[in-house]
Amino acid sequence: DLFCCVARLAKEKNLDFQLEALYCLKQILAKQGKTFRHLIIGEGPDRKHLEQEIALRGLEENVLLLGNVENEEIKNYHGAADAFLFTSKSETQGIVILEAMAAGKPVIAVDASGVCDVVVTGENGILTSENALVFAVRTAELMENEPLRRQMEQTAAATAASYCEEKIAEQAAAY
């Protein structure tokens, strides 16, 4: 399985929690003889700290910090991924979530303001509590349920398209 995240490497993005959840996911998948890769796109002041946390949790083979990627290239990473992981609790607009959904990717996210306006559990993704084991279990369950994941991919793309149409309608109404 391949996961992706686009975030500034900073405290407010809650990436320590994401790494803890991925550590739990690694344990769950190991029991099934499976593994995963997670690509984190972005740069920021917490890079060194996150590199240390990745090593501390033994996630060097699983989690790759890719640094900044050109905007037009990000869609290729989304396209290759199975799901988009999002753990920020301070997101107000959720643009990175909509970009992932536009690529047809379900979003697994911590239930927080802004995020809950876009992600609907069971439809275009999964919202979880800020509990690393719960986040990991729900991620593993989605990866095991391919029919559900395929349905969520379609709904995610439709969600992103509806937001785009809504913005165009708002702009048209403003004139």
C-alpha atoms as a PDB file:
ATOM      1  CA  ASP A   1       0.000   0.000   0.000  1.00  0.00           C
ATOM      2  CA  LEU A   2       1.116   3.522  -0.766  1.00  0.00           C
ATOM      3  CA  PHE A   3      -0.012   6.587   1.164  1.00  0.00           C
ATOM      4  CA  CYS A   4       0.643  10.255   0.609  1.00  0.00           C
ATOM      5  CA  CYS A   5       0.506  13.456   2.637  1.00  0.00           C
ATOM      6  CA  VAL A   6       1.158  17.041   1.629  1.00  0.00           C
ATOM      7  CA  ALA A   7       1.969  19.272   4.586  1.00  0.00           C
ATOM      8  CA  ARG A   8       4.316  21.903   5.898  1.00  0.00           C
ATOM      9  CA  LEU A   9       6.683  20.097   8.267  1.00  0.00           C
ATOM     10  CA  ALA A  10       5.577  22.013  11.342  1.00  0.00           C
ATOM     11  CA  LYS A  11       4.021  21.234  14.732  1.00  0.00           C
ATOM     12  CA  GLU A  12       0.517  22.385  13.771  1.00  0.00           C
ATOM     13  CA  LYS A  13       0.294  19.658  11.110  1.00  0.00           C
ATOM     14  CA  ASN A  14       0.361  17.006  13.869  1.00  0.00           C
ATOM     15  CA  LEU A  15       2.877  14.824  12.023  1.00  0.00           C
ATOM     16  CA  ASP A  16       4.190  13.287  15.272  1.00  0.00           C
ATOM     17  CA  PHE A  17       0.735  11.759  15.691  1.00  0.00           C
ATOM     18  CA  GLN A  18       0.788  10.612  12.057  1.00  0.00           C
ATOM     19  CA  LEU A  19       4.112   8.842  12.631  1.00  0.00           C
ATOM     20  CA  GLU A  20       2.761   7.174  15.776  1.00  0.00           C
ATOM     21  CA  ALA A  21      -0.257   5.949  13.796  1.00  0.00           C
ATOM     22  CA  LEU A  22       2.063   4.647  11.053  1.00  0.00           C
ATOM     23  CA  TYR A  23       4.113   2.823  13.680  1.00  0.00           C
ATOM     24  CA  CYS A  24       0.880   1.106  14.797  1.00  0.00           C
ATOM     25  CA  LEU A  25      -0.039   0.379  11.169  1.00  0.00           C
ATOM     26  CA  LYS A  26       3.369  -1.223  10.604  1.00  0.00           C
ATOM     27  CA  GLN A  27       2.716  -3.608  13.536  1.00  0.00           C
ATOM     28  CA  ILE A  28      -0.772  -4.489  12.243  1.00  0.00           C
ATOM     29  CA  LEU A  29       0.417  -5.142   8.677  1.00  0.00           C
ATOM     30  CA  ALA A  30       3.492  -7.108   9.797  1.00  0.00           C
ATOM     31  CA  LYS A  31       1.164  -9.700  11.351  1.00  0.00           C
ATOM     32  CA  GLN A  32      -0.377 -10.126   7.887  1.00  0.00           C
ATOM     33  CA  GLY A  33       2.996 -10.246   6.135  1.00  0.00           C
ATOM     34  CA  LYS A  34       2.332  -6.857   4.525  1.00  0.00           C
ATOM     35  CA  THR A  35       4.019  -3.489   4.521  1.00  0.00           C
ATOM     36  CA  PHE A  36       3.440   0.038   3.219  1.00  0.00           C
ATOM     37  CA  ARG A  37       5.138   3.199   2.016  1.00  0.00           C
ATOM     38  CA  HIS A  38       4.135   6.717   3.012  1.00  0.00           C
ATOM     39  CA  LEU A  39       5.300   9.786   1.116  1.00  0.00           C
ATOM     40  CA  ILE A  40       5.324  13.115   2.941  1.00  0.00           C
ATOM     41  CA  ILE A  41       5.589  16.036   0.546  1.00  0.00           C
ATOM     42  CA  GLY A  42       6.592  19.373   2.025  1.00  0.00           C
ATOM     43  CA  GLU A  43       9.296  21.175   3.900  1.00  0.00           C
ATOM     44  CA  GLY A  44       9.457  23.054   7.166  1.00  0.00           C
ATOM     45  CA  PRO A  45      11.122  23.719  10.493  1.00  0.00           C
ATOM     46  CA  ASP A  46      10.334  20.261  11.948  1.00  0.00           C
ATOM     47  CA  ARG A  47      12.181  18.245   9.279  1.00  0.00           C
ATOM     48  CA  LYS A  48      15.124  17.221  11.503  1.00  0.00           C
ATOM     49  CA  HIS A  49      12.768  16.351  14.364  1.00  0.00           C
ATOM     50  CA  LEU A  50      10.616  14.220  12.043  1.00  0.00           C
ATOM     51  CA  GLU A  51      13.691  12.435  10.643  1.00  0.00           C
ATOM     52  CA  GLN A  52      14.628  11.548  14.233  1.00  0.00           C
ATOM     53  CA  GLU A  53      11.085  10.345  15.008  1.00  0.00           C
ATOM     54  CA  ILE A  54      11.049   8.191  11.856  1.00  0.00           C
ATOM     55  CA  ALA A  55      14.339   6.562  12.924  1.00  0.00           C
ATOM     56  CA  LEU A  56      13.191   6.187  16.546  1.00  0.00           C
ATOM     57  CA  ARG A  57      10.081   4.295  15.399  1.00  0.00           C
ATOM     58  CA  GLY A  58      11.974   2.155  12.862  1.00  0.00           C
ATOM     59  CA  LEU A  59       9.995   3.625   9.958  1.00  0.00           C
ATOM     60  CA  GLU A  60      12.947   4.438   7.670  1.00  0.00           C
ATOM     61  CA  GLU A  61      11.811   1.819   5.120  1.00  0.00           C
ATOM     62  CA  ASN A  62       8.213   3.040   5.269  1.00  0.00           C
ATOM     63  CA  VAL A  63       8.168   6.832   5.496  1.00  0.00           C
ATOM     64  CA  LEU A  64       9.913   9.071   2.982  1.00  0.00           C
ATOM     65  CA  LEU A  65      10.240  12.825   3.455  1.00  0.00           C
ATOM     66  CA  LEU A  66      10.305  14.051  -0.136  1.00  0.00           C
ATOM     67  CA  GLY A  67      10.715  17.757   0.561  1.00  0.00           C
ATOM     68  CA  ASN A  68       9.088  20.303  -1.702  1.00  0.00           C
ATOM     69  CA  VAL A  69       7.649  19.052  -4.985  1.00  0.00           C
ATOM     70  CA  GLU A  70       6.472  21.238  -7.868  1.00  0.00           C
ATOM     71  CA  ASN A  71       2.705  21.826  -7.640  1.00  0.00           C
ATOM     72  CA  GLU A  72       2.045  20.286 -11.052  1.00  0.00           C
ATOM     73  CA  GLU A  73       3.938  17.133  -9.974  1.00  0.00           C
ATOM     74  CA  ILE A  74       1.923  16.559  -6.787  1.00  0.00           C
ATOM     75  CA  LYS A  75      -0.995  15.089  -8.750  1.00  0.00           C
ATOM     76  CA  ASN A  76       1.339  12.299  -9.925  1.00  0.00           C
ATOM     77  CA  TYR A  77       2.056  11.335  -6.322  1.00  0.00           C
ATOM     78  CA  HIS A  78      -1.653  11.418  -5.523  1.00  0.00           C
ATOM     79  CA  GLY A  79      -2.297   9.278  -8.586  1.00  0.00           C
ATOM     80  CA  ALA A  80       0.149   6.622  -7.414  1.00  0.00           C
ATOM     81  CA  ALA A  81      -1.143   6.553  -3.825  1.00  0.00           C
ATOM     82  CA  ASP A  82      -3.960   4.394  -2.444  1.00  0.00           C
ATOM     83  CA  ALA A  83      -5.090   6.994   0.100  1.00  0.00           C
ATOM     84  CA  PHE A  84      -4.251  10.425   1.499  1.00  0.00           C
ATOM     85  CA  LEU A  85      -3.433  10.644   5.214  1.00  0.00           C
ATOM     86  CA  PHE A  86      -4.178  13.883   7.024  1.00  0.00           C
ATOM     87  CA  THR A  87      -3.664  14.541  10.725  1.00  0.00           C
ATOM     88  CA  SER A  88      -3.668  18.329  11.049  1.00  0.00           C
ATOM     89  CA  LYS A  89      -6.203  19.654  13.542  1.00  0.00           C
ATOM     90  CA  SER A  90      -5.862  23.285  12.509  1.00  0.00           C
ATOM     91  CA  GLU A  91      -6.908  23.176   8.867  1.00  0.00           C
ATOM     92  CA  THR A  92      -9.512  25.703   7.862  1.00  0.00           C
ATOM     93  CA  GLN A  93      -9.710  25.312   4.079  1.00  0.00           C
ATOM     94  CA  GLY A  94      -8.532  21.766   3.405  1.00  0.00           C
ATOM     95  CA  ILE A  95      -7.152  22.546  -0.048  1.00  0.00           C
ATOM     96  CA  VAL A  96      -4.681  19.633   0.114  1.00  0.00           C
ATOM     97  CA  ILE A  97      -7.602  17.336   0.972  1.00  0.00           C
ATOM     98  CA  LEU A  98      -9.561  18.508  -2.073  1.00  0.00           C
ATOM     99  CA  GLU A  99      -6.474  18.111  -4.277  1.00  0.00           C
ATOM    100  CA  ALA A 100      -6.149  14.489  -3.122  1.00  0.00           C
ATOM    101  CA  MET A 101      -9.858  13.914  -3.697  1.00  0.00           C
ATOM    102  CA  ALA A 102      -9.593  15.461  -7.168  1.00  0.00           C
ATOM    103  CA  ALA A 103      -7.124  12.648  -7.922  1.00  0.00           C
ATOM    104  CA  GLY A 104      -9.769  10.194  -6.687  1.00  0.00           C
ATOM    105  CA  LYS A 105      -8.103   9.375  -3.384  1.00  0.00           C
ATOM    106  CA  PRO A 106     -10.010   8.646  -0.186  1.00  0.00           C
ATOM    107  CA  VAL A 107      -8.818  10.701   2.780  1.00  0.00           C
ATOM    108  CA  ILE A 108      -8.131   9.239   6.209  1.00  0.00           C
ATOM    109  CA  ALA A 109      -8.063  12.134   8.643  1.00  0.00           C
ATOM    110  CA  VAL A 110      -8.317  13.177  12.264  1.00  0.00           C
ATOM    111  CA  ASP A 111     -11.798  14.534  12.884  1.00  0.00           C
ATOM    112  CA  ALA A 112     -11.240  18.291  13.229  1.00  0.00           C
ATOM    113  CA  SER A 113     -12.850  21.547  12.188  1.00  0.00           C
ATOM    114  CA  GLY A 114     -12.566  22.232   8.477  1.00  0.00           C
ATOM    115  CA  VAL A 115     -11.744  18.609   7.716  1.00  0.00           C
ATOM    116  CA  CYS A 116     -15.171  17.372   8.825  1.00  0.00           C
ATOM    117  CA  ASP A 117     -16.758  19.792   6.335  1.00  0.00           C
ATOM    118  CA  VAL A 118     -15.187  17.842   3.452  1.00  0.00           C
ATOM    119  CA  VAL A 119     -14.489  14.267   4.580  1.00  0.00           C
ATOM    120  CA  VAL A 120     -17.547  12.066   5.142  1.00  0.00           C
ATOM    121  CA  THR A 121     -16.768   8.720   6.773  1.00  0.00           C
ATOM    122  CA  GLY A 122     -17.749   5.804   4.562  1.00  0.00           C
ATOM    123  CA  GLU A 123     -18.311   8.019   1.529  1.00  0.00           C
ATOM    124  CA  ASN A 124     -15.098   9.783   0.481  1.00  0.00           C
ATOM    125  CA  GLY A 125     -12.839   8.846   3.366  1.00  0.00           C
ATOM    126  CA  ILE A 126     -12.659   8.139   7.073  1.00  0.00           C
ATOM    127  CA  LEU A 127     -12.576  10.494  10.033  1.00  0.00           C
ATOM    128  CA  THR A 128     -11.055   9.101  13.218  1.00  0.00           C
ATOM    129  CA  SER A 129     -10.403  10.286  16.719  1.00  0.00           C
ATOM    130  CA  GLU A 130      -6.884  11.406  17.569  1.00  0.00           C
ATOM    131  CA  ASN A 131      -5.946   7.909  18.671  1.00  0.00           C
ATOM    132  CA  ALA A 132      -2.980   6.373  16.829  1.00  0.00           C
ATOM    133  CA  LEU A 133      -4.243   2.790  17.091  1.00  0.00           C
ATOM    134  CA  VAL A 134      -7.735   3.713  15.865  1.00  0.00           C
ATOM    135  CA  PHE A 135      -6.245   5.684  12.961  1.00  0.00           C
ATOM    136  CA  ALA A 136      -4.027   2.696  12.054  1.00  0.00           C
ATOM    137  CA  VAL A 137      -6.824   0.132  12.330  1.00  0.00           C
ATOM    138  CA  ARG A 138      -9.193   2.192  10.175  1.00  0.00           C
ATOM    139  CA  THR A 139      -6.420   2.682   7.578  1.00  0.00           C
ATOM    140  CA  ALA A 140      -5.712  -1.064   7.488  1.00  0.00           C
ATOM    141  CA  GLU A 141      -9.431  -1.860   7.202  1.00  0.00           C
ATOM    142  CA  LEU A 142      -9.815   0.453   4.221  1.00  0.00           C
ATOM    143  CA  MET A 143      -6.816  -1.079   2.467  1.00  0.00           C
ATOM    144  CA  GLU A 144      -8.271  -4.569   2.996  1.00  0.00           C
ATOM    145  CA  ASN A 145     -11.671  -3.578   1.567  1.00  0.00           C
ATOM    146  CA  GLU A 146     -10.996  -2.899  -2.096  1.00  0.00           C
ATOM    147  CA  PRO A 147     -14.666  -2.541  -3.151  1.00  0.00           C
ATOM    148  CA  LEU A 148     -15.201   0.120  -0.488  1.00  0.00           C
ATOM    149  CA  ARG A 149     -11.963   1.881  -1.435  1.00  0.00           C
ATOM    150  CA  ARG A 150     -12.977   1.944  -5.122  1.00  0.00           C
ATOM    151  CA  GLN A 151     -16.387   3.396  -4.215  1.00  0.00           C
ATOM    152  CA  MET A 152     -14.718   6.015  -2.007  1.00  0.00           C
ATOM    153  CA  GLU A 153     -12.352   6.940  -4.852  1.00  0.00           C
ATOM    154  CA  GLN A 154     -15.326   7.790  -7.074  1.00  0.00           C
ATOM    155  CA  THR A 155     -17.104   9.739  -4.331  1.00  0.00           C
ATOM    156  CA  ALA A 156     -13.887  11.604  -3.455  1.00  0.00           C
ATOM    157  CA  ALA A 157     -13.491  12.749  -7.070  1.00  0.00           C
ATOM    158  CA  ALA A 158     -17.143  13.849  -7.140  1.00  0.00           C
ATOM    159  CA  THR A 159     -16.662  15.762  -3.861  1.00  0.00           C
ATOM    160  CA  ALA A 160     -13.703  17.685  -5.288  1.00  0.00           C
ATOM    161  CA  ALA A 161     -15.604  18.418  -8.515  1.00  0.00           C
ATOM    162  CA  SER A 162     -18.585  19.758  -6.555  1.00  0.00           C
ATOM    163  CA  TYR A 163     -16.316  22.109  -4.601  1.00  0.00           C
ATOM    164  CA  CYS A 164     -14.849  23.360  -7.856  1.00  0.00           C
ATOM    165  CA  GLU A 165     -18.339  23.975  -9.310  1.00  0.00           C
ATOM    166  CA  GLU A 166     -19.417  25.695  -6.073  1.00  0.00           C
ATOM    167  CA  LYS A 167     -16.444  28.099  -6.252  1.00  0.00           C
ATOM    168  CA  ILE A 168     -17.150  28.879  -9.911  1.00  0.00           C
ATOM    169  CA  ALA A 169     -20.805  29.580  -9.073  1.00  0.00           C
ATOM    170  CA  GLU A 170     -19.736  31.862  -6.184  1.00  0.00           C
ATOM    171  CA  GLN A 171     -17.375  33.760  -8.492  1.00  0.00           C
ATOM    172  CA  ALA A 172     -20.079  34.112 -11.145  1.00  0.00           C
ATOM    173  CA  ALA A 173     -22.572  35.365  -8.553  1.00  0.00           C
ATOM    174  CA  ALA A 174     -20.074  37.993  -7.396  1.00  0.00           C
ATOM    175  CA  TYR A 175     -20.103  39.697 -10.831  1.00  0.00           C
END
